[in-house]
Amino acid sequence: MFGREKIEYKTPEQVRTMRRAGLVVADIHAALRAAVAPGMTTADLDAVSAEVLERAGARSNFLGYQGFPATACISVNEEIVHGIPGDRVIQDGDVVSFDCGAVVDGWHGDAAFSMVVGHAAADDLALVETTEAAMWAGIAALASGSRLGDVGSAVEDAVERANAERGLRLGIVEEYVGHGIGTAMHQPPEVLNYRTREKGPRLRPGMCLCVEPMITVGSPENTVLDDEWTVVTLDGSRAAHFEHTVAVLDGGIWVLTAPDGGAAALAAHGVEVAALA
């Protein structure tokens, strides 16, 4: 689970280049939030992502990855992750997840968000809010914890707390997890979204990690469609997905794919972001 594969530690200069890639991803997210509306297809939204990448002079780290045919993964309702953009039409009330990435000068950024388009049912809103809160709890654990396993414990605690306080029955998808990132989109180590007895590697400056919980309203059991990419819930329940790329620095952390470095969201956890030299 927590293997001994070599972790790529980044220099401050390399982290700054990753920040450039991260800001391109943030721009893609902003453009998608502004553009998405009922009646659009997921292919229309992928075109928005492609336009931002072209304007920035960056390339997508999804397009062509093991044959993936688009610049972003766009997953709707029962689709958990890796949805292929196409002719699916966005409807009022849909939960849509966008997983986007960019490469600048060989360094990667990767982040995801979910939103309810149009009218938001209470359960869907709770799903999206809890998934985002669980992500930020996991990110905060990179600052307050000492081992990578602290992230999964924090994510699970956040989901359990929401279930208890809001009367929910949200489930954590365990088959798909966060990861290291740098000169490749997916690198060691795995970043789990649930508690285990394994503590994982020690958190050290130079680590760059993606924290990305995926949460379902119903059962987290899932399967992959015949397209060999799209992961869906077995019971048809809706899912949400949030992710940020985070650098562990001397003195703290910096969220490379958040415009403010994560300062506002992390302040609620008592975490002050470190200076990005």
Protein backbone atom coordinates (compact mmCIF):
# COMPACT_ATOMS: atom_id res chain seq x y z
CA MET A 1 0.00 0.00 0.00
CA PHE A 2 2.64 2.51 1.07
CA GLY A 3 5.48 1.10 -1.00
CA ARG A 4 9.14 1.92 -0.99
CA GLU A 5 9.17 3.39 -4.48
CA LYS A 6 11.42 6.40 -4.78
CA ILE A 7 9.80 9.76 -4.06
CA GLU A 8 10.84 12.69 -6.24
CA TYR A 9 11.79 15.64 -4.02
CA LYS A 10 11.62 19.06 -5.67
CA THR A 11 13.91 22.04 -5.33
CA PRO A 12 12.36 25.46 -4.61
CA GLU A 13 12.92 26.44 -8.24
CA GLN A 14 11.12 23.32 -9.46
CA VAL A 15 8.23 24.03 -7.10
CA ARG A 16 7.93 27.52 -8.59
CA THR A 17 7.64 26.00 -12.07
CA MET A 18 4.96 23.65 -10.76
CA ARG A 19 3.18 26.71 -9.39
CA ARG A 20 3.03 28.08 -12.94
CA ALA A 21 1.40 24.85 -14.09
CA GLY A 22 -0.91 24.97 -11.08
CA LEU A 23 -2.11 28.45 -11.94
CA VAL A 24 -2.99 27.31 -15.46
CA VAL A 25 -5.14 24.59 -13.88
CA ALA A 26 -6.75 27.22 -11.64
CA ASP A 27 -7.57 29.26 -14.75
CA ILE A 28 -9.15 26.20 -16.38
CA HIS A 29 -11.31 25.69 -13.31
CA ALA A 30 -12.41 29.32 -13.31
CA ALA A 31 -13.30 29.15 -17.01
CA LEU A 32 -15.29 25.95 -16.54
CA ARG A 33 -17.23 27.34 -13.57
CA ALA A 34 -18.15 30.37 -15.66
CA ALA A 35 -19.09 28.37 -18.75
CA VAL A 36 -20.99 25.31 -17.53
CA ALA A 37 -24.76 25.47 -18.01
CA PRO A 38 -27.66 23.15 -18.77
CA GLY A 39 -27.74 22.23 -22.45
CA MET A 40 -23.96 22.11 -22.91
CA THR A 41 -22.29 18.82 -23.73
CA THR A 42 -19.24 17.57 -21.88
CA ALA A 43 -17.36 17.93 -25.18
CA ASP A 44 -18.28 21.64 -25.21
CA LEU A 45 -16.73 21.95 -21.76
CA ASP A 46 -13.58 20.11 -22.79
CA ALA A 47 -13.21 22.73 -25.53
CA VAL A 48 -13.21 25.41 -22.81
CA SER A 49 -10.34 23.59 -21.07
CA ALA A 50 -8.42 23.25 -24.35
CA GLU A 51 -8.78 26.96 -25.07
CA VAL A 52 -7.30 27.96 -21.70
CA LEU A 53 -4.37 25.60 -22.19
CA GLU A 54 -3.67 26.97 -25.67
CA ARG A 55 -3.86 30.56 -24.47
CA ALA A 56 -1.38 29.79 -21.66
CA GLY A 57 1.06 27.97 -23.94
CA ALA A 58 0.69 24.86 -21.75
CA ARG A 59 -0.30 21.33 -22.66
CA SER A 60 -2.79 18.96 -21.08
CA ASN A 61 -1.37 16.11 -19.07
CA PHE A 62 -4.56 14.11 -19.68
CA LEU A 63 -4.70 14.30 -23.48
CA GLY A 64 -3.01 11.16 -24.80
CA TYR A 65 -2.28 9.77 -21.33
CA GLN A 66 -2.56 6.00 -21.86
CA GLY A 67 -4.78 6.89 -24.81
CA PHE A 68 -7.17 9.28 -23.02
CA PRO A 69 -8.80 11.35 -25.80
CA ALA A 70 -9.51 14.72 -24.13
CA THR A 71 -7.86 17.54 -22.19
CA ALA A 72 -9.97 17.00 -19.04
CA CYS A 73 -11.93 14.26 -17.31
CA ILE A 74 -15.57 15.32 -16.95
CA SER A 75 -17.79 13.06 -14.86
CA VAL A 76 -21.54 13.51 -14.38
CA ASN A 77 -23.74 12.24 -11.52
CA GLU A 78 -23.07 8.49 -11.13
CA GLU A 79 -19.69 8.87 -12.85
CA ILE A 80 -17.04 9.08 -10.13
CA VAL A 81 -13.92 9.88 -12.14
CA HIS A 82 -12.26 9.61 -15.58
CA GLY A 83 -15.38 10.50 -17.54
CA ILE A 84 -14.59 10.98 -21.24
CA PRO A 85 -16.04 14.22 -22.67
CA GLY A 86 -18.53 13.58 -25.44
CA ASP A 87 -22.17 14.11 -26.33
CA ARG A 88 -23.63 13.80 -22.82
CA VAL A 89 -25.79 16.88 -22.24
CA ILE A 90 -25.63 18.66 -18.90
CA GLN A 91 -29.03 18.87 -17.21
CA ASP A 92 -30.30 21.23 -14.52
CA GLY A 93 -29.40 19.73 -11.14
CA ASP A 94 -26.54 17.53 -12.40
CA VAL A 95 -23.47 17.01 -10.23
CA VAL A 96 -20.48 17.55 -12.54
CA SER A 97 -16.86 16.81 -11.64
CA PHE A 98 -13.96 18.32 -13.58
CA ASP A 99 -10.45 16.83 -13.27
CA CYS A 100 -7.96 19.03 -15.11
CA GLY A 101 -4.22 19.23 -15.54
CA ALA A 102 -1.47 21.23 -17.20
CA VAL A 103 2.21 20.81 -18.00
CA VAL A 104 4.59 23.79 -18.05
CA ASP A 105 8.27 23.26 -18.92
CA GLY A 106 7.92 19.56 -18.11
CA TRP A 107 6.31 20.02 -14.68
CA HIS A 108 2.75 19.02 -13.86
CA GLY A 109 -0.25 20.49 -12.05
CA ASP A 110 -3.44 18.54 -11.33
CA ALA A 111 -6.68 19.53 -9.60
CA ALA A 112 -10.37 18.68 -9.58
CA PHE A 113 -13.64 20.16 -8.40
CA SER A 114 -17.32 19.27 -8.39
CA MET A 115 -20.39 21.47 -8.58
CA VAL A 116 -24.14 21.24 -8.93
CA VAL A 117 -25.33 22.87 -12.14
CA GLY A 118 -28.46 24.95 -11.67
CA HIS A 119 -30.92 23.83 -8.99
CA ALA A 120 -29.15 22.02 -6.14
CA ALA A 121 -30.95 19.26 -4.24
CA ALA A 122 -30.05 19.16 -0.55
CA ASP A 123 -28.32 15.78 -0.76
CA ASP A 124 -26.24 16.84 -3.76
CA LEU A 125 -25.19 20.07 -2.09
CA ALA A 126 -24.20 18.17 1.06
CA LEU A 127 -22.20 15.72 -1.06
CA VAL A 128 -20.24 18.47 -2.81
CA GLU A 129 -19.67 20.49 0.37
CA THR A 130 -18.50 17.48 2.34
CA THR A 131 -16.12 16.28 -0.37
CA GLU A 132 -14.50 19.71 -0.59
CA ALA A 133 -14.27 19.95 3.21
CA ALA A 134 -12.69 16.49 3.36
CA MET A 135 -10.08 17.53 0.81
CA TRP A 136 -9.14 20.63 2.82
CA ALA A 137 -8.96 18.56 6.01
CA GLY A 138 -6.54 16.22 4.25
CA ILE A 139 -4.46 19.13 2.95
CA ALA A 140 -4.32 20.67 6.42
CA ALA A 141 -2.95 17.36 7.72
CA LEU A 142 0.07 17.85 5.45
CA ALA A 143 0.89 20.89 7.56
CA SER A 144 -0.04 19.59 11.00
CA GLY A 145 0.87 15.91 10.63
CA SER A 146 4.17 14.09 10.45
CA ARG A 147 3.32 11.11 8.26
CA LEU A 148 1.48 10.76 4.96
CA GLY A 149 -1.09 8.48 6.58
CA ASP A 150 -2.36 11.48 8.56
CA VAL A 151 -4.03 12.69 5.34
CA GLY A 152 -6.29 9.65 5.04
CA SER A 153 -7.23 9.82 8.70
CA ALA A 154 -8.20 13.49 8.33
CA VAL A 155 -10.29 12.83 5.22
CA GLU A 156 -12.15 9.95 6.85
CA ASP A 157 -12.73 11.97 10.03
CA ALA A 158 -14.26 14.78 7.98
CA VAL A 159 -16.65 12.43 6.20
CA GLU A 160 -17.64 10.66 9.42
CA ARG A 161 -18.26 14.01 11.08
CA ALA A 162 -20.51 15.15 8.24
CA ASN A 163 -22.41 11.87 8.32
CA ALA A 164 -23.04 12.25 12.05
CA GLU A 165 -23.85 15.96 12.06
CA ARG A 166 -25.93 16.10 8.87
CA GLY A 167 -27.57 12.68 8.95
CA LEU A 168 -25.79 11.54 5.80
CA ARG A 169 -24.57 8.15 4.59
CA LEU A 170 -21.68 9.23 2.41
CA GLY A 171 -19.10 6.66 1.35
CA ILE A 172 -15.40 7.01 0.53
CA VAL A 173 -14.15 5.48 -2.72
CA GLU A 174 -11.02 3.53 -1.80
CA GLU A 175 -9.88 2.20 -5.18
CA TYR A 176 -8.82 5.64 -6.50
CA VAL A 177 -6.45 7.74 -4.43
CA GLY A 178 -4.16 10.75 -4.50
CA HIS A 179 -0.56 10.61 -5.60
CA GLY A 180 2.79 12.27 -5.89
CA ILE A 181 3.29 14.64 -8.81
CA GLY A 182 6.17 16.44 -10.49
CA THR A 183 7.91 15.47 -13.73
CA ALA A 184 5.02 13.04 -14.22
CA MET A 185 1.34 13.40 -13.35
CA HIS A 186 1.30 10.24 -11.24
CA GLN A 187 4.26 9.41 -9.03
CA PRO A 188 4.91 7.70 -5.70
CA PRO A 189 3.66 7.86 -3.04
CA GLU A 190 -0.03 7.00 -2.97
CA VAL A 191 -2.10 9.44 -0.89
CA LEU A 192 -4.96 7.47 0.64
CA ASN A 193 -8.36 8.94 1.52
CA TYR A 194 -9.05 6.63 4.44
CA ARG A 195 -7.46 5.52 7.70
CA THR A 196 -5.07 2.56 7.79
CA ARG A 197 -2.63 1.12 10.30
CA GLU A 198 0.21 2.07 7.98
CA LYS A 199 1.63 5.48 8.85
CA GLY A 200 3.24 6.01 5.48
CA PRO A 201 6.43 7.94 4.72
CA ARG A 202 7.47 10.95 6.76
CA LEU A 203 6.40 14.29 5.35
CA ARG A 204 9.47 16.14 4.10
CA PRO A 205 10.11 19.44 2.31
CA GLY A 206 10.23 18.92 -1.44
CA MET A 207 7.30 16.52 -1.56
CA CYS A 208 4.54 17.52 -3.99
CA LEU A 209 1.31 15.62 -3.48
CA CYS A 210 -2.23 15.50 -4.82
CA VAL A 211 -4.94 15.11 -2.20
CA GLU A 212 -8.15 13.98 -3.93
CA PRO A 213 -11.05 12.37 -2.11
CA MET A 214 -13.94 10.90 -4.08
CA ILE A 215 -17.18 10.57 -2.12
CA THR A 216 -20.54 9.00 -2.95
CA VAL A 217 -24.07 9.62 -1.67
CA GLY A 218 -24.71 5.86 -1.61
CA SER A 219 -22.42 2.86 -1.75
CA PRO A 220 -18.84 3.56 -2.85
CA GLU A 221 -18.72 0.26 -4.75
CA ASN A 222 -17.89 0.94 -8.37
CA THR A 223 -17.05 -0.45 -11.77
CA VAL A 224 -15.38 0.72 -14.99
CA LEU A 225 -17.50 1.11 -18.12
CA ASP A 226 -16.72 -0.53 -21.45
CA ASP A 227 -14.81 2.59 -22.54
CA GLU A 228 -12.13 1.38 -20.06
CA TRP A 229 -11.99 4.80 -18.42
CA THR A 230 -15.24 5.99 -16.86
CA VAL A 231 -15.69 4.81 -13.26
CA VAL A 232 -19.32 4.68 -12.08
CA THR A 233 -21.11 3.77 -8.87
CA LEU A 234 -22.70 0.33 -8.93
CA ASP A 235 -25.91 1.56 -7.32
CA GLY A 236 -26.25 4.62 -9.56
CA SER A 237 -25.74 7.05 -6.68
CA ARG A 238 -24.07 10.38 -7.31
CA ALA A 239 -20.41 11.14 -6.60
CA ALA A 240 -18.16 14.16 -6.10
CA HIS A 241 -14.42 14.65 -6.47
CA PHE A 242 -12.07 17.40 -5.26
CA GLU A 243 -8.29 17.65 -5.66
CA HIS A 244 -5.41 20.07 -5.25
CA THR A 245 -1.67 19.82 -5.85
CA VAL A 246 0.21 20.71 -2.66
CA ALA A 247 3.91 21.41 -2.05
CA VAL A 248 5.46 20.59 1.32
CA LEU A 249 7.99 23.33 2.03
CA ASP A 250 10.34 24.36 4.79
CA GLY A 251 7.98 25.86 7.34
CA GLY A 252 4.68 24.63 5.93
CA ILE A 253 2.71 23.96 2.76
CA TRP A 254 1.53 25.81 -0.35
CA VAL A 255 -1.40 24.73 -2.52
CA LEU A 256 0.01 25.10 -6.02
CA THR A 257 -3.35 24.88 -7.83
CA ALA A 258 -5.19 27.41 -5.63
CA PRO A 259 -4.85 31.07 -6.66
CA ASP A 260 -4.25 32.14 -3.04
CA GLY A 261 -2.06 29.16 -2.19
CA GLY A 262 -4.90 27.77 -0.08
CA ALA A 263 -4.64 30.56 2.50
CA ALA A 264 -8.37 31.22 2.94
CA ALA A 265 -9.52 27.61 3.22
CA LEU A 266 -6.61 26.53 5.41
CA ALA A 267 -7.12 29.42 7.83
CA ALA A 268 -10.28 27.65 9.01
CA HIS A 269 -8.02 24.75 10.07
CA GLY A 270 -5.59 27.03 11.88
CA VAL A 271 -2.99 26.58 9.12
CA GLU A 272 -1.01 29.50 7.75
CA VAL A 273 0.53 28.79 4.36
CA ALA A 274 4.30 28.99 4.05
CA ALA A 275 6.04 31.53 1.88
CA LEU A 276 6.66 30.31 -1.67
CA ALA A 277 10.23 31.56 -2.19
